PDB file of N, CA and C in Angstrom:
ATOM      1  N   MET A   1       1.820   4.228 -14.012  1.00  0.00           N
ATOM      2  CA  MET A   1       0.994   3.836 -15.132  1.00  0.00           C
ATOM      3  C   MET A   1       1.474   4.506 -16.416  1.00  0.00           C
ATOM      4  N   ASP A   2       2.023   5.712 -16.324  1.00  0.00           N
ATOM      5  CA  ASP A   2       2.555   6.366 -17.514  1.00  0.00           C
ATOM      6  C   ASP A   2       3.653   5.527 -18.144  1.00  0.00           C
ATOM      7  N   TYR A   3       4.476   4.918 -17.289  1.00  0.00           N
ATOM      8  CA  TYR A   3       5.568   4.092 -17.784  1.00  0.00           C
ATOM      9  C   TYR A   3       5.028   2.921 -18.594  1.00  0.00           C
ATOM     10  N   MET A   4       3.951   2.294 -18.101  1.00  0.00           N
ATOM     11  CA  MET A   4       3.355   1.168 -18.813  1.00  0.00           C
ATOM     12  C   MET A   4       2.778   1.631 -20.151  1.00  0.00           C
ATOM     13  N   ALA A   5       2.162   2.805 -20.166  1.00  0.00           N
ATOM     14  CA  ALA A   5       1.591   3.321 -21.409  1.00  0.00           C
ATOM     15  C   ALA A   5       2.690   3.579 -22.428  1.00  0.00           C
ATOM     16  N   GLN A   6       3.809   4.135 -21.976  1.00  0.00           N
ATOM     17  CA  GLN A   6       4.927   4.378 -22.875  1.00  0.00           C
ATOM     18  C   GLN A   6       5.484   3.063 -23.402  1.00  0.00           C
ATOM     19  N   LYS A   7       5.625   2.077 -22.522  1.00  0.00           N
ATOM     20  CA  LYS A   7       6.123   0.785 -22.983  1.00  0.00           C
ATOM     21  C   LYS A   7       5.145   0.166 -23.964  1.00  0.00           C
ATOM     22  N   GLY A   8       3.830   0.349 -23.703  1.00  0.00           N
ATOM     23  CA  GLY A   8       2.822  -0.232 -24.579  1.00  0.00           C
ATOM     24  C   GLY A   8       2.904   0.308 -25.993  1.00  0.00           C
ATOM     25  N   THR A   9       3.184   1.591 -26.126  1.00  0.00           N
ATOM     26  CA  THR A   9       3.266   2.169 -27.455  1.00  0.00           C
ATOM     27  C   THR A   9       4.487   1.653 -28.199  1.00  0.00           C
ATOM     28  N   LYS A  10       5.464   1.181 -27.474  1.00  0.00           N
ATOM     29  CA  LYS A  10       6.657   0.618 -28.103  1.00  0.00           C
ATOM     30  C   LYS A  10       6.548  -0.894 -28.268  1.00  0.00           C
ATOM     31  N   ARG A  11       5.380  -1.444 -27.924  1.00  0.00           N
ATOM     32  CA  ARG A  11       5.111  -2.875 -28.049  1.00  0.00           C
ATOM     33  C   ARG A  11       6.097  -3.712 -27.251  1.00  0.00           C
ATOM     34  N   GLN A  12       6.337  -3.302 -26.027  1.00  0.00           N
ATOM     35  CA  GLN A  12       7.241  -4.053 -25.159  1.00  0.00           C
ATOM     36  C   GLN A  12       6.537  -4.333 -23.845  1.00  0.00           C
ATOM     37  N   PHE A  13       5.716  -5.346 -23.819  1.00  0.00           N
ATOM     38  CA  PHE A  13       5.003  -5.692 -22.601  1.00  0.00           C
ATOM     39  C   PHE A  13       5.850  -6.631 -21.773  1.00  0.00           C
ATOM     40  N   ASP A  14       5.986  -6.296 -20.522  1.00  0.00           N
ATOM     41  CA  ASP A  14       6.795  -7.096 -19.615  1.00  0.00           C
ATOM     42  C   ASP A  14       5.860  -7.857 -18.681  1.00  0.00           C
ATOM     43  N   ILE A  15       5.851  -9.184 -18.778  1.00  0.00           N
ATOM     44  CA  ILE A  15       4.940 -10.005 -17.979  1.00  0.00           C
ATOM     45  C   ILE A  15       5.172  -9.798 -16.488  1.00  0.00           C
ATOM     46  N   VAL A  16       6.404  -9.613 -16.078  1.00  0.00           N
ATOM     47  CA  VAL A  16       6.689  -9.396 -14.658  1.00  0.00           C
ATOM     48  C   VAL A  16       6.022  -8.119 -14.184  1.00  0.00           C
ATOM     49  N   GLU A  17       6.113  -7.057 -14.965  1.00  0.00           N
ATOM     50  CA  GLU A  17       5.479  -5.794 -14.589  1.00  0.00           C
ATOM     51  C   GLU A  17       3.962  -5.935 -14.589  1.00  0.00           C
ATOM     52  N   LEU A  18       3.413  -6.657 -15.536  1.00  0.00           N
ATOM     53  CA  LEU A  18       1.966  -6.834 -15.585  1.00  0.00           C
ATOM     54  C   LEU A  18       1.469  -7.558 -14.344  1.00  0.00           C
ATOM     55  N   SER A  19       2.229  -8.517 -13.862  1.00  0.00           N
ATOM     56  CA  SER A  19       1.800  -9.285 -12.695  1.00  0.00           C
ATOM     57  C   SER A  19       1.869  -8.462 -11.414  1.00  0.00           C
ATOM     58  N   ASN A  20       2.596  -7.346 -11.429  1.00  0.00           N
ATOM     59  CA  ASN A  20       2.714  -6.500 -10.242  1.00  0.00           C
ATOM     60  C   ASN A  20       1.575  -5.491 -10.115  1.00  0.00           C
ATOM     61  N   LEU A  21       0.717  -5.377 -11.106  1.00  0.00           N
ATOM     62  CA  LEU A  21      -0.398  -4.439 -11.031  1.00  0.00           C
ATOM     63  C   LEU A  21      -1.427  -4.945 -10.032  1.00  0.00           C
ATOM     64  N   THR A  22      -2.027  -4.012  -9.300  1.00  0.00           N
ATOM     65  CA  THR A  22      -2.950  -4.429  -8.245  1.00  0.00           C
ATOM     66  C   THR A  22      -4.396  -4.048  -8.519  1.00  0.00           C
ATOM     67  N   GLY A  23      -4.642  -2.962  -9.239  1.00  0.00           N
ATOM     68  CA  GLY A  23      -6.017  -2.495  -9.416  1.00  0.00           C
ATOM     69  C   GLY A  23      -6.675  -3.050 -10.661  1.00  0.00           C
ATOM     70  N   ILE A  24      -7.986  -3.196 -10.590  1.00  0.00           N
ATOM     71  CA  ILE A  24      -8.741  -3.664 -11.756  1.00  0.00           C
ATOM     72  C   ILE A  24      -8.632  -2.642 -12.883  1.00  0.00           C
ATOM     73  N   ALA A  25      -8.678  -1.362 -12.535  1.00  0.00           N
ATOM     74  CA  ALA A  25      -8.569  -0.312 -13.553  1.00  0.00           C
ATOM     75  C   ALA A  25      -7.222  -0.397 -14.259  1.00  0.00           C
ATOM     76  N   ASP A  26      -6.146  -0.680 -13.504  1.00  0.00           N
ATOM     77  CA  ASP A  26      -4.825  -0.817 -14.112  1.00  0.00           C
ATOM     78  C   ASP A  26      -4.817  -1.964 -15.113  1.00  0.00           C
ATOM     79  N   MET A  27      -5.405  -3.080 -14.738  1.00  0.00           N
ATOM     80  CA  MET A  27      -5.435  -4.233 -15.633  1.00  0.00           C
ATOM     81  C   MET A  27      -6.256  -3.931 -16.878  1.00  0.00           C
ATOM     82  N   ASP A  28      -7.331  -3.165 -16.729  1.00  0.00           N
ATOM     83  CA  ASP A  28      -8.163  -2.803 -17.876  1.00  0.00           C
ATOM     84  C   ASP A  28      -7.367  -1.956 -18.859  1.00  0.00           C
ATOM     85  N   ILE A  29      -6.594  -1.014 -18.337  1.00  0.00           N
ATOM     86  CA  ILE A  29      -5.768  -0.159 -19.198  1.00  0.00           C
ATOM     87  C   ILE A  29      -4.732  -0.999 -19.931  1.00  0.00           C
ATOM     88  N   VAL A  30      -4.091  -1.898 -19.214  1.00  0.00           N
ATOM     89  CA  VAL A  30      -3.074  -2.749 -19.837  1.00  0.00           C
ATOM     90  C   VAL A  30      -3.708  -3.647 -20.893  1.00  0.00           C
ATOM     91  N   ALA A  31      -4.880  -4.205 -20.595  1.00  0.00           N
ATOM     92  CA  ALA A  31      -5.575  -5.056 -21.564  1.00  0.00           C
ATOM     93  C   ALA A  31      -5.919  -4.266 -22.819  1.00  0.00           C
ATOM     94  N   THR A  32      -6.335  -3.012 -22.638  1.00  0.00           N
ATOM     95  CA  THR A  32      -6.658  -2.167 -23.785  1.00  0.00           C
ATOM     96  C   THR A  32      -5.411  -1.885 -24.610  1.00  0.00           C
ATOM     97  N   LEU A  33      -4.316  -1.551 -23.952  1.00  0.00           N
ATOM     98  CA  LEU A  33      -3.063  -1.314 -24.667  1.00  0.00           C
ATOM     99  C   LEU A  33      -2.627  -2.560 -25.414  1.00  0.00           C
ATOM    100  N   PHE A  34      -2.768  -3.715 -24.772  1.00  0.00           N
ATOM    101  CA  PHE A  34      -2.375  -4.968 -25.407  1.00  0.00           C
ATOM    102  C   PHE A  34      -3.239  -5.231 -26.643  1.00  0.00           C
ATOM    103  N   THR A  35      -4.531  -4.944 -26.539  1.00  0.00           N
ATOM    104  CA  THR A  35      -5.435  -5.131 -27.679  1.00  0.00           C
ATOM    105  C   THR A  35      -5.028  -4.232 -28.834  1.00  0.00           C
ATOM    106  N   TYR A  36      -4.757  -2.961 -28.547  1.00  0.00           N
ATOM    107  CA  TYR A  36      -4.312  -2.051 -29.604  1.00  0.00           C
ATOM    108  C   TYR A  36      -2.988  -2.508 -30.193  1.00  0.00           C
ATOM    109  N   ASP A  37      -2.115  -3.029 -29.349  1.00  0.00           N
ATOM    110  CA  ASP A  37      -0.818  -3.524 -29.792  1.00  0.00           C
ATOM    111  C   ASP A  37      -1.003  -4.661 -30.792  1.00  0.00           C
ATOM    112  N   MET A  38      -1.888  -5.601 -30.476  1.00  0.00           N
ATOM    113  CA  MET A  38      -2.114  -6.736 -31.361  1.00  0.00           C
ATOM    114  C   MET A  38      -2.747  -6.277 -32.676  1.00  0.00           C
ATOM    115  N   LEU A  39      -3.670  -5.328 -32.609  1.00  0.00           N
ATOM    116  CA  LEU A  39      -4.290  -4.805 -33.829  1.00  0.00           C
ATOM    117  C   LEU A  39      -3.254  -4.104 -34.700  1.00  0.00           C
ATOM    118  N   ALA A  40      -2.348  -3.371 -34.067  1.00  0.00           N
ATOM    119  CA  ALA A  40      -1.299  -2.675 -34.813  1.00  0.00           C
ATOM    120  C   ALA A  40      -0.397  -3.685 -35.516  1.00  0.00           C
ATOM    121  N   LYS A  41      -0.061  -4.772 -34.823  1.00  0.00           N
ATOM    122  CA  LYS A  41       0.788  -5.795 -35.438  1.00  0.00           C
ATOM    123  C   LYS A  41       0.081  -6.439 -36.625  1.00  0.00           C
ATOM    124  N   GLU A  42      -1.213  -6.735 -36.478  1.00  0.00           N
ATOM    125  CA  GLU A  42      -1.966  -7.326 -37.581  1.00  0.00           C
ATOM    126  C   GLU A  42      -2.000  -6.375 -38.770  1.00  0.00           C
ATOM    127  N   GLY A  43      -2.168  -5.081 -38.503  1.00  0.00           N
ATOM    128  CA  GLY A  43      -2.186  -4.089 -39.571  1.00  0.00           C
ATOM    129  C   GLY A  43      -0.865  -4.026 -40.301  1.00  0.00           C
ATOM    130  N   GLU A  44       0.234  -4.098 -39.565  1.00  0.00           N
ATOM    131  CA  GLU A  44       1.556  -4.071 -40.179  1.00  0.00           C
ATOM    132  C   GLU A  44       1.779  -5.305 -41.034  1.00  0.00           C
ATOM    133  N   GLU A  45       1.377  -6.477 -40.532  1.00  0.00           N
ATOM    134  CA  GLU A  45       1.549  -7.708 -41.295  1.00  0.00           C
ATOM    135  C   GLU A  45       0.741  -7.640 -42.586  1.00  0.00           C
ATOM    136  N   TYR A  46      -0.468  -7.118 -42.500  1.00  0.00           N
ATOM    137  CA  TYR A  46      -1.323  -6.976 -43.678  1.00  0.00           C
ATOM    138  C   TYR A  46      -0.690  -6.018 -44.679  1.00  0.00           C
ATOM    139  N   TRP A  47      -0.139  -4.924 -44.172  1.00  0.00           N
ATOM    140  CA  TRP A  47       0.497  -3.930 -45.043  1.00  0.00           C
ATOM    141  C   TRP A  47       1.703  -4.531 -45.750  1.00  0.00           C
ATOM    142  N   ILE A  48       2.485  -5.339 -45.039  1.00  0.00           N
ATOM    143  CA  ILE A  48       3.660  -5.977 -45.633  1.00  0.00           C
ATOM    144  C   ILE A  48       3.227  -6.922 -46.756  1.00  0.00           C
ATOM    145  N   VAL A  49       2.199  -7.716 -46.508  1.00  0.00           N
ATOM    146  CA  VAL A  49       1.702  -8.640 -47.531  1.00  0.00           C
ATOM    147  C   VAL A  49       1.209  -7.866 -48.749  1.00  0.00           C
ATOM    148  N   MET A  50       0.447  -6.803 -48.522  1.00  0.00           N
ATOM    149  CA  MET A  50      -0.059  -6.004 -49.633  1.00  0.00           C
ATOM    150  C   MET A  50       1.089  -5.366 -50.415  1.00  0.00           C
ATOM    151  N   SER A  51       2.111  -4.928 -49.723  1.00  0.00           N
ATOM    152  CA  SER A  51       3.251  -4.310 -50.389  1.00  0.00           C
ATOM    153  C   SER A  51       3.962  -5.319 -51.279  1.00  0.00           C
ATOM    154  N   GLU A  52       4.118  -6.544 -50.782  1.00  0.00           N
ATOM    155  CA  GLU A  52       4.799  -7.573 -51.561  1.00  0.00           C
ATOM    156  C   GLU A  52       3.995  -7.939 -52.802  1.00  0.00           C
ATOM    157  N   VAL A  53       2.682  -8.004 -52.677  1.00  0.00           N
ATOM    158  CA  VAL A  53       1.824  -8.349 -53.810  1.00  0.00           C
ATOM    159  C   VAL A  53       1.842  -7.231 -54.846  1.00  0.00           C
ATOM    160  N   CYS A  54       1.753  -5.996 -54.393  1.00  0.00           N
ATOM    161  CA  CYS A  54       1.691  -4.857 -55.309  1.00  0.00           C
ATOM    162  C   CYS A  54       3.018  -4.596 -56.009  1.00  0.00           C
ATOM    163  N   ASN A  55       4.114  -4.997 -55.432  1.00  0.00           N
ATOM    164  CA  ASN A  55       5.422  -4.716 -56.013  1.00  0.00           C
ATOM    165  C   ASN A  55       5.883  -5.788 -56.992  1.00  0.00           C
ATOM    166  N   ASP A  56       5.134  -6.864 -57.112  1.00  0.00           N
ATOM    167  CA  ASP A  56       5.558  -7.943 -58.029  1.00  0.00           C
ATOM    168  C   ASP A  56       5.342  -7.579 -59.472  1.00  0.00           C
TER     169      ASP A  56
END
């Protein structure tokens, strides 16, 4: 599970690895990491847009 957490922080989710998880708790952790990953991406996209607007 540590390996999955490390991969999650690097935003590299592997569908094959996700399908190999067996426990409900494992899936919950992965779902949480995925949610944080998506929020982080949205934040970065927002920051990029704001940077472009402010620099004009």
